[in-house]
C-alpha atoms as a PDB file:
ATOM      1  CA  MET A   1     184.645 -75.140 -97.659  1.00  0.00           C
ATOM      2  CA  VAL A   2     182.403 -77.344 -99.479  1.00  0.00           C
ATOM      3  CA  ALA A   3     179.187 -75.944-100.225  1.00  0.00           C
ATOM      4  CA  ASN A   4     175.619 -78.547 -98.653  1.00  0.00           C
ATOM      5  CA  SER A   5     174.377 -78.731-102.348  1.00  0.00           C
ATOM      6  CA  ILE A   6     177.591 -80.450-103.638  1.00  0.00           C
ATOM      7  CA  TYR A   7     177.837 -82.787 -99.784  1.00  0.00           C
ATOM      8  CA  GLU A   8     174.622 -84.106-100.350  1.00  0.00           C
ATOM      9  CA  ASN A   9     175.908 -85.467-103.341  1.00  0.00           C
ATOM     10  CA  LEU A  10     179.263 -87.205-102.376  1.00  0.00           C
ATOM     11  CA  ASN A  11     178.915 -91.164-101.093  1.00  0.00           C
ATOM     12  CA  ASP A  12     179.344 -92.691 -97.879  1.00  0.00           C
ATOM     13  CA  THR A  13     182.813 -92.362 -97.819  1.00  0.00           C
ATOM     14  CA  ASN A  14     183.827 -88.289 -98.744  1.00  0.00           C
ATOM     15  CA  LYS A  15     181.346 -87.728 -96.330  1.00  0.00           C
ATOM     16  CA  ASN A  16     183.475 -88.936 -93.521  1.00  0.00           C
ATOM     17  CA  LEU A  17     186.410 -86.480 -94.495  1.00  0.00           C
ATOM     18  CA  LEU A  18     183.803 -84.049 -93.728  1.00  0.00           C
ATOM     19  CA  THR A  19     182.643 -81.507 -90.963  1.00  0.00           C
ATOM     20  CA  HIS A  20     180.050 -79.152 -91.426  1.00  0.00           C
ATOM     21  CA  ASN A  21     180.911 -76.250 -90.363  1.00  0.00           C
ATOM     22  CA  TYR A  22     178.038 -73.675 -88.508  1.00  0.00           C
ATOM     23  CA  GLN A  23     178.934 -70.532 -88.842  1.00  0.00           C
ATOM     24  CA  TYR A  24     179.785 -70.717 -92.839  1.00  0.00           C
ATOM     25  CA  SER A  25     176.426 -73.291 -92.652  1.00  0.00           C
ATOM     26  CA  CYS A  26     178.457 -75.288 -95.583  1.00  0.00           C
ATOM     27  CA  TYR A  27     181.463 -78.457 -94.494  1.00  0.00           C
ATOM     28  CA  GLN A  28     185.183 -79.053 -94.159  1.00  0.00           C
ATOM     29  CA  GLY A  29     188.106 -80.807 -94.261  1.00  0.00           C
ATOM     30  CA  ASP A  30     191.792 -81.435 -94.044  1.00  0.00           C
ATOM     31  CA  ILE A  31     191.990 -83.541 -97.439  1.00  0.00           C
ATOM     32  CA  ILE A  32     194.766 -83.872 -98.503  1.00  0.00           C
ATOM     33  CA  ASN A  33     196.473 -84.676-102.060  1.00  0.00           C
ATOM     34  CA  LYS A  34     199.114 -87.732-100.948  1.00  0.00           C
ATOM     35  CA  ASN A  35     200.608 -87.053-104.711  1.00  0.00           C
ATOM     36  CA  MET A  36     201.474 -83.432-103.693  1.00  0.00           C
ATOM     37  CA  ASP A  37     201.764 -83.774-100.700  1.00  0.00           C
ATOM     38  CA  ASP A  38     204.980 -86.128-101.049  1.00  0.00           C
ATOM     39  CA  TRP A  39     205.761 -83.420-104.299  1.00  0.00           C
ATOM     40  CA  CYS A  40     206.305 -80.445-100.917  1.00  0.00           C
ATOM     41  CA  LYS A  41     208.354 -82.949 -98.939  1.00  0.00           C
ATOM     42  CA  GLU A  42     210.785 -83.297-100.975  1.00  0.00           C
ATOM     43  CA  ASN A  43     211.088 -79.966-103.339  1.00  0.00           C
ATOM     44  CA  CYS A  44     210.216 -77.643-100.621  1.00  0.00           C
ATOM     45  CA  ASN A  45     213.002 -78.427 -97.659  1.00  0.00           C
END
């Protein structure tokens, strides 16, 4: 989750990764750390 004040300072590319959560008055997204995702695929079987 990202506060409104942080969201306002993001560039448009990063803003497009998030959607507004009206229940909590913030922004959220399903953001994946590519390196961590690769590590999990290799080590979490």
